[in-house]
Amino acid sequence: MGAAKRKVHSPEFKAKVALEAIKGESTLLELASRFGVHANQISKWKKEALEGMSAIFSGKHTTQDTVHEKQIEKLHAKIGQLTVERDFLERVSKL
């Protein structure tokens, strides 16, 4: 028999479960039963969510959009550089 496969949960699911744990309206065991996740995993997600929230308010949190914008800027700069190089080589080859 092979090893059991780990279940991969979406970020949305993790956030939902962590939020329920943060609310404190149900025990970890109740949440574990309801969502089919071990109580230790819920505790871990709750801790990560709380730490993540403090990072948001401290200004240290970089959103996914910010990361994508930086990547796009780098790619546009590279496109510009390659266009200039191509145009230069094209002119030199005609001489």
N, C-alpha and C. Protein backbone atom coordinates (compact mmCIF):
# COMPACT_ATOMS: atom_id res chain seq x y z
N MET A 1 0.83 -1.19 0.00
CA MET A 1 0.00 0.00 0.00
C MET A 1 0.88 1.25 0.00
N GLY A 2 0.46 2.24 -0.76
CA GLY A 2 1.19 3.49 -0.81
C GLY A 2 0.79 4.41 0.32
N ALA A 3 1.54 5.45 0.43
CA ALA A 3 1.25 6.45 1.47
C ALA A 3 -0.03 7.19 1.13
N ALA A 4 -0.73 7.61 2.16
CA ALA A 4 -1.97 8.35 1.95
C ALA A 4 -1.66 9.71 1.34
N LYS A 5 -2.51 10.14 0.42
CA LYS A 5 -2.31 11.44 -0.21
C LYS A 5 -2.83 12.53 0.71
N ARG A 6 -2.11 13.63 0.75
CA ARG A 6 -2.56 14.76 1.54
C ARG A 6 -3.63 15.51 0.78
N LYS A 7 -4.61 15.98 1.51
CA LYS A 7 -5.68 16.75 0.89
C LYS A 7 -5.21 18.20 0.80
N VAL A 8 -5.36 18.77 -0.37
CA VAL A 8 -4.96 20.15 -0.59
C VAL A 8 -6.21 21.03 -0.50
N HIS A 9 -6.14 22.02 0.39
CA HIS A 9 -7.27 22.92 0.59
C HIS A 9 -6.98 24.27 -0.06
N SER A 10 -8.02 24.85 -0.62
CA SER A 10 -7.87 26.15 -1.28
C SER A 10 -7.65 27.23 -0.23
N PRO A 11 -7.04 28.33 -0.64
CA PRO A 11 -6.87 29.46 0.29
C PRO A 11 -8.20 29.97 0.82
N GLU A 12 -9.23 29.91 -0.01
CA GLU A 12 -10.56 30.37 0.41
C GLU A 12 -11.10 29.50 1.53
N PHE A 13 -10.92 28.18 1.39
CA PHE A 13 -11.38 27.25 2.40
C PHE A 13 -10.64 27.48 3.71
N LYS A 14 -9.32 27.62 3.62
CA LYS A 14 -8.51 27.86 4.81
C LYS A 14 -8.95 29.14 5.51
N ALA A 15 -9.20 30.19 4.74
CA ALA A 15 -9.63 31.46 5.32
C ALA A 15 -10.98 31.31 6.00
N LYS A 16 -11.87 30.57 5.38
CA LYS A 16 -13.21 30.36 5.95
C LYS A 16 -13.10 29.64 7.29
N VAL A 17 -12.32 28.57 7.33
CA VAL A 17 -12.16 27.79 8.55
C VAL A 17 -11.46 28.62 9.63
N ALA A 18 -10.41 29.34 9.24
CA ALA A 18 -9.68 30.18 10.20
C ALA A 18 -10.59 31.25 10.77
N LEU A 19 -11.41 31.86 9.94
CA LEU A 19 -12.33 32.89 10.41
C LEU A 19 -13.33 32.33 11.41
N GLU A 20 -13.83 31.13 11.14
CA GLU A 20 -14.73 30.49 12.09
C GLU A 20 -14.02 30.23 13.42
N ALA A 21 -12.76 29.84 13.36
CA ALA A 21 -11.99 29.60 14.59
C ALA A 21 -11.76 30.90 15.35
N ILE A 22 -11.48 31.97 14.61
CA ILE A 22 -11.25 33.27 15.23
C ILE A 22 -12.52 33.78 15.91
N LYS A 23 -13.66 33.54 15.27
CA LYS A 23 -14.94 33.97 15.86
C LYS A 23 -15.15 33.34 17.23
N GLY A 24 -14.71 32.10 17.40
CA GLY A 24 -14.82 31.43 18.69
C GLY A 24 -16.22 30.96 19.04
N GLU A 25 -17.13 30.90 18.09
CA GLU A 25 -18.50 30.47 18.35
C GLU A 25 -18.59 28.95 18.47
N SER A 26 -17.60 28.24 17.96
CA SER A 26 -17.55 26.78 18.03
C SER A 26 -16.18 26.37 18.55
N THR A 27 -16.11 25.20 19.17
CA THR A 27 -14.81 24.68 19.61
C THR A 27 -14.03 24.17 18.41
N LEU A 28 -12.74 23.99 18.61
CA LEU A 28 -11.91 23.45 17.52
C LEU A 28 -12.39 22.06 17.12
N LEU A 29 -12.81 21.27 18.08
CA LEU A 29 -13.30 19.93 17.75
C LEU A 29 -14.59 19.99 16.94
N GLU A 30 -15.46 20.92 17.26
CA GLU A 30 -16.68 21.08 16.47
C GLU A 30 -16.35 21.51 15.04
N LEU A 31 -15.42 22.47 14.92
CA LEU A 31 -15.01 22.92 13.59
C LEU A 31 -14.34 21.80 12.81
N ALA A 32 -13.51 21.01 13.50
CA ALA A 32 -12.83 19.89 12.85
C ALA A 32 -13.84 18.90 12.30
N SER A 33 -14.87 18.63 13.07
CA SER A 33 -15.90 17.71 12.63
C SER A 33 -16.70 18.29 11.46
N ARG A 34 -17.03 19.57 11.57
CA ARG A 34 -17.85 20.21 10.53
C ARG A 34 -17.11 20.31 9.20
N PHE A 35 -15.82 20.66 9.25
CA PHE A 35 -15.06 20.90 8.01
C PHE A 35 -14.20 19.72 7.58
N GLY A 36 -14.12 18.68 8.40
CA GLY A 36 -13.33 17.51 8.03
C GLY A 36 -11.84 17.77 8.03
N VAL A 37 -11.39 18.61 8.96
CA VAL A 37 -9.98 18.98 9.07
C VAL A 37 -9.56 18.76 10.52
N HIS A 38 -8.34 18.32 10.75
CA HIS A 38 -7.86 18.08 12.11
C HIS A 38 -7.80 19.39 12.89
N ALA A 39 -8.10 19.32 14.18
CA ALA A 39 -8.12 20.51 15.04
C ALA A 39 -6.76 21.21 15.07
N ASN A 40 -5.67 20.45 15.02
CA ASN A 40 -4.34 21.07 15.00
C ASN A 40 -4.13 21.91 13.74
N GLN A 41 -4.66 21.43 12.62
CA GLN A 41 -4.55 22.17 11.37
C GLN A 41 -5.34 23.47 11.46
N ILE A 42 -6.51 23.41 12.06
CA ILE A 42 -7.33 24.62 12.23
C ILE A 42 -6.60 25.62 13.10
N SER A 43 -5.96 25.15 14.17
CA SER A 43 -5.18 26.04 15.04
C SER A 43 -4.06 26.72 14.27
N LYS A 44 -3.40 25.95 13.41
CA LYS A 44 -2.31 26.50 12.60
C LYS A 44 -2.84 27.58 11.66
N TRP A 45 -3.95 27.31 10.96
CA TRP A 45 -4.53 28.29 10.04
C TRP A 45 -4.99 29.54 10.78
N LYS A 46 -5.55 29.34 11.98
CA LYS A 46 -5.99 30.48 12.78
C LYS A 46 -4.79 31.36 13.14
N LYS A 47 -3.70 30.74 13.57
CA LYS A 47 -2.49 31.48 13.93
C LYS A 47 -1.94 32.23 12.71
N GLU A 48 -1.89 31.57 11.56
CA GLU A 48 -1.39 32.21 10.34
C GLU A 48 -2.27 33.39 9.94
N ALA A 49 -3.59 33.22 10.09
CA ALA A 49 -4.51 34.30 9.74
C ALA A 49 -4.30 35.50 10.65
N LEU A 50 -4.16 35.25 11.93
CA LEU A 50 -3.96 36.36 12.87
C LEU A 50 -2.63 37.06 12.61
N GLU A 51 -1.59 36.30 12.33
CA GLU A 51 -0.29 36.90 12.02
C GLU A 51 -0.36 37.69 10.71
N GLY A 52 -1.10 37.17 9.75
CA GLY A 52 -1.25 37.84 8.47
C GLY A 52 -2.00 39.16 8.61
N MET A 53 -2.99 39.17 9.49
CA MET A 53 -3.75 40.41 9.70
C MET A 53 -2.87 41.50 10.28
N SER A 54 -2.01 41.15 11.23
CA SER A 54 -1.15 42.17 11.81
C SER A 54 -0.18 42.71 10.77
N ALA A 55 0.26 41.86 9.83
CA ALA A 55 1.15 42.32 8.76
C ALA A 55 0.43 43.29 7.84
N ILE A 56 -0.85 43.06 7.60
CA ILE A 56 -1.62 43.96 6.75
C ILE A 56 -1.66 45.36 7.35
N PHE A 57 -1.92 45.41 8.65
CA PHE A 57 -2.05 46.70 9.30
C PHE A 57 -0.71 47.36 9.59
N SER A 58 0.37 46.60 9.55
CA SER A 58 1.69 47.18 9.78
C SER A 58 2.29 47.76 8.52
N GLY A 59 1.66 47.51 7.37
CA GLY A 59 2.17 48.01 6.10
C GLY A 59 3.20 47.10 5.48
N LYS A 60 3.50 45.96 6.09
CA LYS A 60 4.50 45.04 5.57
C LYS A 60 3.90 44.07 4.57
N HIS A 61 2.60 44.05 4.46
CA HIS A 61 1.90 43.11 3.59
C HIS A 61 1.97 43.61 2.14
N THR A 62 2.48 42.76 1.25
CA THR A 62 2.46 43.10 -0.16
C THR A 62 1.37 42.27 -0.81
N THR A 63 0.49 42.93 -1.49
CA THR A 63 -0.61 42.21 -2.12
C THR A 63 -0.13 41.54 -3.39
N GLN A 64 -0.89 40.60 -3.82
CA GLN A 64 -0.58 39.89 -5.06
C GLN A 64 -0.55 40.86 -6.23
N ASP A 65 -1.44 41.86 -6.20
CA ASP A 65 -1.49 42.84 -7.28
C ASP A 65 -0.19 43.62 -7.35
N THR A 66 0.37 43.99 -6.21
CA THR A 66 1.63 44.73 -6.18
C THR A 66 2.75 43.91 -6.80
N VAL A 67 2.79 42.64 -6.47
CA VAL A 67 3.82 41.76 -7.03
C VAL A 67 3.65 41.66 -8.54
N HIS A 68 2.42 41.51 -8.99
CA HIS A 68 2.17 41.42 -10.43
C HIS A 68 2.53 42.73 -11.14
N GLU A 69 2.22 43.86 -10.53
CA GLU A 69 2.55 45.15 -11.13
C GLU A 69 4.06 45.29 -11.29
N LYS A 70 4.83 44.87 -10.31
CA LYS A 70 6.29 44.95 -10.39
C LYS A 70 6.81 44.04 -11.51
N GLN A 71 6.23 42.85 -11.62
CA GLN A 71 6.65 41.94 -12.69
C GLN A 71 6.33 42.53 -14.06
N ILE A 72 5.17 43.15 -14.19
CA ILE A 72 4.78 43.76 -15.46
C ILE A 72 5.72 44.91 -15.81
N GLU A 73 6.08 45.73 -14.82
CA GLU A 73 7.02 46.83 -15.07
C GLU A 73 8.36 46.30 -15.56
N LYS A 74 8.86 45.23 -14.93
CA LYS A 74 10.13 44.64 -15.36
C LYS A 74 10.03 44.10 -16.78
N LEU A 75 8.91 43.46 -17.09
CA LEU A 75 8.74 42.91 -18.44
C LEU A 75 8.64 44.01 -19.49
N HIS A 76 7.94 45.09 -19.16
CA HIS A 76 7.85 46.22 -20.10
C HIS A 76 9.22 46.84 -20.33
N ALA A 77 10.01 46.96 -19.27
CA ALA A 77 11.37 47.50 -19.42
C ALA A 77 12.20 46.60 -20.32
N LYS A 78 12.08 45.29 -20.13
CA LYS A 78 12.83 44.34 -20.95
C LYS A 78 12.39 44.42 -22.41
N ILE A 79 11.09 44.54 -22.64
CA ILE A 79 10.57 44.68 -24.01
C ILE A 79 11.14 45.93 -24.66
N GLY A 80 11.16 47.03 -23.91
CA GLY A 80 11.73 48.26 -24.44
C GLY A 80 13.20 48.11 -24.79
N GLN A 81 13.95 47.46 -23.90
CA GLN A 81 15.38 47.24 -24.15
C GLN A 81 15.57 46.39 -25.40
N LEU A 82 14.83 45.32 -25.53
CA LEU A 82 14.97 44.43 -26.69
C LEU A 82 14.55 45.13 -27.98
N THR A 83 13.56 45.99 -27.91
CA THR A 83 13.12 46.73 -29.09
C THR A 83 14.22 47.68 -29.56
N VAL A 84 14.85 48.37 -28.62
CA VAL A 84 15.94 49.28 -28.96
C VAL A 84 17.10 48.50 -29.57
N GLU A 85 17.45 47.37 -28.97
CA GLU A 85 18.54 46.56 -29.49
C GLU A 85 18.22 46.05 -30.90
N ARG A 86 17.01 45.59 -31.10
CA ARG A 86 16.61 45.09 -32.42
C ARG A 86 16.70 46.19 -33.46
N ASP A 87 16.16 47.38 -33.12
CA ASP A 87 16.20 48.49 -34.07
C ASP A 87 17.63 48.89 -34.39
N PHE A 88 18.50 48.88 -33.38
CA PHE A 88 19.90 49.24 -33.59
C PHE A 88 20.56 48.22 -34.53
N LEU A 89 20.35 46.95 -34.24
CA LEU A 89 20.96 45.91 -35.08
C LEU A 89 20.42 45.94 -36.50
N GLU A 90 19.17 46.27 -36.64
CA GLU A 90 18.57 46.37 -37.96
C GLU A 90 19.23 47.50 -38.76
N ARG A 91 19.44 48.65 -38.11
CA ARG A 91 20.08 49.78 -38.80
C ARG A 91 21.52 49.46 -39.15
N VAL A 92 22.26 48.81 -38.22
CA VAL A 92 23.66 48.49 -38.47
C VAL A 92 23.78 47.47 -39.61
N SER A 93 22.88 46.54 -39.70
CA SER A 93 22.97 45.52 -40.73
C SER A 93 22.73 46.09 -42.13
N LYS A 94 22.07 47.25 -42.22
CA LYS A 94 21.79 47.88 -43.51
C LYS A 94 22.97 48.71 -44.01
N LEU A 95 23.95 48.94 -43.16
CA LEU A 95 25.10 49.76 -43.57
C LEU A 95 26.04 49.07 -44.46
